[in-house]
Amino acid sequence: MWLKQFKIALVEKNIQEIEELMLDVPKLKNKEEIDSAICLIEEAKSLVVELRDETQASMIQMKKNIDFLKVTQEKAVPSLDVTL
């Protein structure tokens, strides 16, 4: 059951579910289940690294966009409001 839930979480790229499943790893009994769990955990690690890299690239791009918008923004002309 745990392996099936872990596979589904990986396919869905559901990091929160993967984290919850990692906190509650059952004691696996046969070699096939253990090998499957190891492979799934390695896949989860790869997924987390991939998502981290994508997030980092997005943040860098947003920073560049913000910097560009600041440069192209018209300078505000200070005005003196004398009306009371």
N, C-alpha and C. Protein backbone atom coordinates (compact mmCIF):
# COMPACT_ATOMS: atom_id res chain seq x y z
N MET A 1 0.82 -1.20 0.00
CA MET A 1 0.00 0.00 0.00
C MET A 1 0.86 1.25 0.00
N TRP A 2 1.90 1.28 0.84
CA TRP A 2 2.78 2.45 0.92
C TRP A 2 3.47 2.69 -0.41
N LEU A 3 3.96 1.62 -1.04
CA LEU A 3 4.63 1.75 -2.32
C LEU A 3 3.70 2.34 -3.37
N LYS A 4 2.47 1.88 -3.38
CA LYS A 4 1.49 2.38 -4.35
C LYS A 4 1.22 3.87 -4.12
N GLN A 5 1.04 4.26 -2.87
CA GLN A 5 0.81 5.67 -2.55
C GLN A 5 2.02 6.52 -2.94
N PHE A 6 3.21 5.99 -2.72
CA PHE A 6 4.44 6.72 -3.05
C PHE A 6 4.55 6.90 -4.56
N LYS A 7 4.23 5.85 -5.32
CA LYS A 7 4.26 5.94 -6.78
C LYS A 7 3.28 7.00 -7.28
N ILE A 8 2.10 7.02 -6.72
CA ILE A 8 1.08 8.01 -7.12
C ILE A 8 1.57 9.42 -6.80
N ALA A 9 2.13 9.61 -5.63
CA ALA A 9 2.64 10.92 -5.23
C ALA A 9 3.76 11.37 -6.18
N LEU A 10 4.61 10.45 -6.61
CA LEU A 10 5.67 10.78 -7.56
C LEU A 10 5.10 11.20 -8.91
N VAL A 11 4.16 10.43 -9.40
CA VAL A 11 3.55 10.75 -10.70
C VAL A 11 2.87 12.11 -10.65
N GLU A 12 2.20 12.39 -9.55
CA GLU A 12 1.51 13.67 -9.38
C GLU A 12 2.46 14.81 -9.01
N LYS A 13 3.71 14.48 -8.73
CA LYS A 13 4.71 15.46 -8.26
C LYS A 13 4.21 16.19 -7.02
N ASN A 14 3.60 15.41 -6.13
CA ASN A 14 3.04 15.93 -4.89
C ASN A 14 4.09 15.84 -3.78
N ILE A 15 4.86 16.91 -3.64
CA ILE A 15 5.96 16.92 -2.69
C ILE A 15 5.47 16.77 -1.25
N GLN A 16 4.35 17.39 -0.95
CA GLN A 16 3.82 17.30 0.42
C GLN A 16 3.46 15.85 0.77
N GLU A 17 2.84 15.16 -0.15
CA GLU A 17 2.47 13.76 0.09
C GLU A 17 3.73 12.88 0.20
N ILE A 18 4.72 13.15 -0.64
CA ILE A 18 5.98 12.41 -0.58
C ILE A 18 6.62 12.61 0.79
N GLU A 19 6.63 13.85 1.26
CA GLU A 19 7.22 14.13 2.57
C GLU A 19 6.50 13.37 3.68
N GLU A 20 5.17 13.37 3.63
CA GLU A 20 4.40 12.66 4.65
C GLU A 20 4.68 11.16 4.60
N LEU A 21 4.78 10.61 3.40
CA LEU A 21 5.07 9.18 3.26
C LEU A 21 6.49 8.85 3.74
N MET A 22 7.43 9.77 3.51
CA MET A 22 8.80 9.54 3.96
C MET A 22 8.90 9.54 5.48
N LEU A 23 8.01 10.27 6.13
CA LEU A 23 8.01 10.30 7.59
C LEU A 23 7.41 9.03 8.20
N ASP A 24 6.70 8.26 7.37
CA ASP A 24 6.01 7.07 7.86
C ASP A 24 6.34 5.85 6.99
N VAL A 25 7.62 5.59 6.79
CA VAL A 25 8.04 4.44 5.98
C VAL A 25 7.80 3.16 6.78
N PRO A 26 7.04 2.23 6.19
CA PRO A 26 6.79 0.97 6.90
C PRO A 26 8.02 0.06 6.86
N LYS A 27 8.01 -0.92 7.69
CA LYS A 27 9.09 -1.91 7.69
C LYS A 27 8.80 -2.89 6.55
N LEU A 28 9.62 -2.82 5.51
CA LEU A 28 9.41 -3.67 4.34
C LEU A 28 10.09 -5.01 4.57
N LYS A 29 9.44 -6.07 4.09
CA LYS A 29 9.91 -7.40 4.44
C LYS A 29 10.67 -8.10 3.33
N ASN A 30 10.18 -8.04 2.11
CA ASN A 30 10.90 -8.80 1.07
C ASN A 30 11.80 -7.90 0.24
N LYS A 31 12.76 -8.52 -0.40
CA LYS A 31 13.80 -7.79 -1.14
C LYS A 31 13.20 -6.96 -2.27
N GLU A 32 12.20 -7.48 -2.93
CA GLU A 32 11.57 -6.76 -4.05
C GLU A 32 10.96 -5.44 -3.59
N GLU A 33 10.25 -5.46 -2.47
CA GLU A 33 9.66 -4.23 -1.92
C GLU A 33 10.74 -3.24 -1.51
N ILE A 34 11.80 -3.73 -0.91
CA ILE A 34 12.90 -2.86 -0.48
C ILE A 34 13.56 -2.21 -1.69
N ASP A 35 13.83 -3.00 -2.74
CA ASP A 35 14.42 -2.46 -3.96
C ASP A 35 13.52 -1.41 -4.60
N SER A 36 12.23 -1.71 -4.63
CA SER A 36 11.27 -0.75 -5.19
C SER A 36 11.26 0.55 -4.39
N ALA A 37 11.28 0.43 -3.08
CA ALA A 37 11.28 1.61 -2.22
C ALA A 37 12.54 2.45 -2.44
N ILE A 38 13.67 1.80 -2.57
CA ILE A 38 14.93 2.51 -2.81
C ILE A 38 14.85 3.27 -4.13
N CYS A 39 14.37 2.62 -5.16
CA CYS A 39 14.25 3.27 -6.48
C CYS A 39 13.29 4.46 -6.40
N LEU A 40 12.18 4.29 -5.71
CA LEU A 40 11.20 5.37 -5.59
C LEU A 40 11.77 6.55 -4.81
N ILE A 41 12.51 6.27 -3.77
CA ILE A 41 13.11 7.34 -2.97
C ILE A 41 14.15 8.09 -3.80
N GLU A 42 14.91 7.37 -4.61
CA GLU A 42 15.88 8.03 -5.49
C GLU A 42 15.16 8.91 -6.51
N GLU A 43 14.04 8.43 -7.04
CA GLU A 43 13.24 9.23 -7.97
C GLU A 43 12.70 10.47 -7.29
N ALA A 44 12.26 10.32 -6.05
CA ALA A 44 11.75 11.46 -5.29
C ALA A 44 12.85 12.49 -5.09
N LYS A 45 14.04 12.03 -4.80
CA LYS A 45 15.18 12.95 -4.64
C LYS A 45 15.42 13.71 -5.94
N SER A 46 15.41 13.01 -7.05
CA SER A 46 15.60 13.66 -8.36
C SER A 46 14.51 14.68 -8.63
N LEU A 47 13.29 14.33 -8.27
CA LEU A 47 12.16 15.24 -8.47
C LEU A 47 12.33 16.52 -7.65
N VAL A 48 12.73 16.37 -6.41
CA VAL A 48 12.92 17.53 -5.53
C VAL A 48 14.03 18.43 -6.08
N VAL A 49 15.12 17.83 -6.55
CA VAL A 49 16.22 18.61 -7.12
C VAL A 49 15.74 19.34 -8.38
N GLU A 50 14.99 18.65 -9.22
CA GLU A 50 14.47 19.25 -10.45
C GLU A 50 13.55 20.44 -10.13
N LEU A 51 12.64 20.25 -9.18
CA LEU A 51 11.72 21.33 -8.82
C LEU A 51 12.47 22.49 -8.17
N ARG A 52 13.49 22.19 -7.38
CA ARG A 52 14.31 23.24 -6.77
C ARG A 52 15.00 24.07 -7.85
N ASP A 53 15.57 23.39 -8.84
CA ASP A 53 16.26 24.09 -9.92
C ASP A 53 15.30 24.94 -10.74
N GLU A 54 14.09 24.41 -11.00
CA GLU A 54 13.08 25.18 -11.73
C GLU A 54 12.67 26.42 -10.94
N THR A 55 12.50 26.26 -9.64
CA THR A 55 12.12 27.40 -8.79
C THR A 55 13.22 28.45 -8.79
N GLN A 56 14.45 28.01 -8.68
CA GLN A 56 15.58 28.94 -8.69
C GLN A 56 15.64 29.70 -10.02
N ALA A 57 15.46 29.00 -11.13
CA ALA A 57 15.48 29.65 -12.44
C ALA A 57 14.34 30.66 -12.56
N SER A 58 13.17 30.31 -12.05
CA SER A 58 12.02 31.22 -12.09
C SER A 58 12.29 32.47 -11.25
N MET A 59 12.89 32.29 -10.09
CA MET A 59 13.18 33.43 -9.23
C MET A 59 14.21 34.35 -9.88
N ILE A 60 15.21 33.79 -10.52
CA ILE A 60 16.21 34.59 -11.22
C ILE A 60 15.56 35.38 -12.35
N GLN A 61 14.67 34.71 -13.10
CA GLN A 61 13.99 35.38 -14.20
C GLN A 61 13.09 36.50 -13.69
N MET A 62 12.39 36.27 -12.58
CA MET A 62 11.54 37.32 -12.00
C MET A 62 12.37 38.51 -11.56
N LYS A 63 13.53 38.25 -10.96
CA LYS A 63 14.41 39.34 -10.54
C LYS A 63 14.86 40.16 -11.75
N LYS A 64 15.22 39.47 -12.84
CA LYS A 64 15.62 40.17 -14.07
C LYS A 64 14.45 41.00 -14.60
N ASN A 65 13.26 40.45 -14.58
CA ASN A 65 12.08 41.18 -15.07
C ASN A 65 11.81 42.42 -14.22
N ILE A 66 11.92 42.28 -12.91
CA ILE A 66 11.70 43.42 -12.01
C ILE A 66 12.75 44.49 -12.25
N ASP A 67 14.01 44.08 -12.38
CA ASP A 67 15.09 45.03 -12.65
C ASP A 67 14.85 45.75 -13.97
N PHE A 68 14.42 45.01 -14.99
CA PHE A 68 14.13 45.61 -16.29
C PHE A 68 13.00 46.63 -16.19
N LEU A 69 11.94 46.26 -15.48
CA LEU A 69 10.81 47.18 -15.33
C LEU A 69 11.22 48.44 -14.58
N LYS A 70 12.08 48.30 -13.59
CA LYS A 70 12.55 49.47 -12.85
C LYS A 70 13.35 50.41 -13.76
N VAL A 71 14.17 49.83 -14.62
CA VAL A 71 15.01 50.64 -15.52
C VAL A 71 14.15 51.36 -16.56
N THR A 72 13.13 50.67 -17.07
CA THR A 72 12.31 51.26 -18.14
C THR A 72 11.20 52.15 -17.62
N GLN A 73 11.00 52.15 -16.33
CA GLN A 73 9.94 52.96 -15.75
C GLN A 73 10.31 54.44 -15.85
N GLU A 74 9.32 55.27 -16.21
CA GLU A 74 9.57 56.70 -16.31
C GLU A 74 9.89 57.26 -14.93
N LYS A 75 10.83 58.19 -14.95
CA LYS A 75 11.19 58.84 -13.70
C LYS A 75 10.06 59.79 -13.31
N ALA A 76 9.67 59.73 -12.06
CA ALA A 76 8.62 60.61 -11.57
C ALA A 76 9.18 62.01 -11.42
N VAL A 77 8.44 62.97 -12.00
CA VAL A 77 8.86 64.37 -11.89
C VAL A 77 8.27 64.92 -10.62
N PRO A 78 9.12 65.36 -9.71
CA PRO A 78 8.59 65.91 -8.46
C PRO A 78 7.80 67.19 -8.74
N SER A 79 6.65 67.29 -8.10
CA SER A 79 5.84 68.48 -8.28
C SER A 79 5.55 69.09 -6.91
N LEU A 80 5.35 70.36 -6.94
CA LEU A 80 5.06 71.08 -5.71
C LEU A 80 3.57 71.40 -5.72
N ASP A 81 2.85 70.79 -4.79
CA ASP A 81 1.41 71.04 -4.70
C ASP A 81 1.20 72.20 -3.74
N VAL A 82 0.78 73.33 -4.31
CA VAL A 82 0.61 74.54 -3.49
C VAL A 82 -0.85 74.76 -3.12
N THR A 83 -1.74 73.88 -3.56
CA THR A 83 -3.15 74.08 -3.20
C THR A 83 -3.42 73.51 -1.82
N LEU A 84 -4.18 74.23 -1.06
CA LEU A 84 -4.49 73.77 0.29
C LEU A 84 -5.96 73.55 0.45
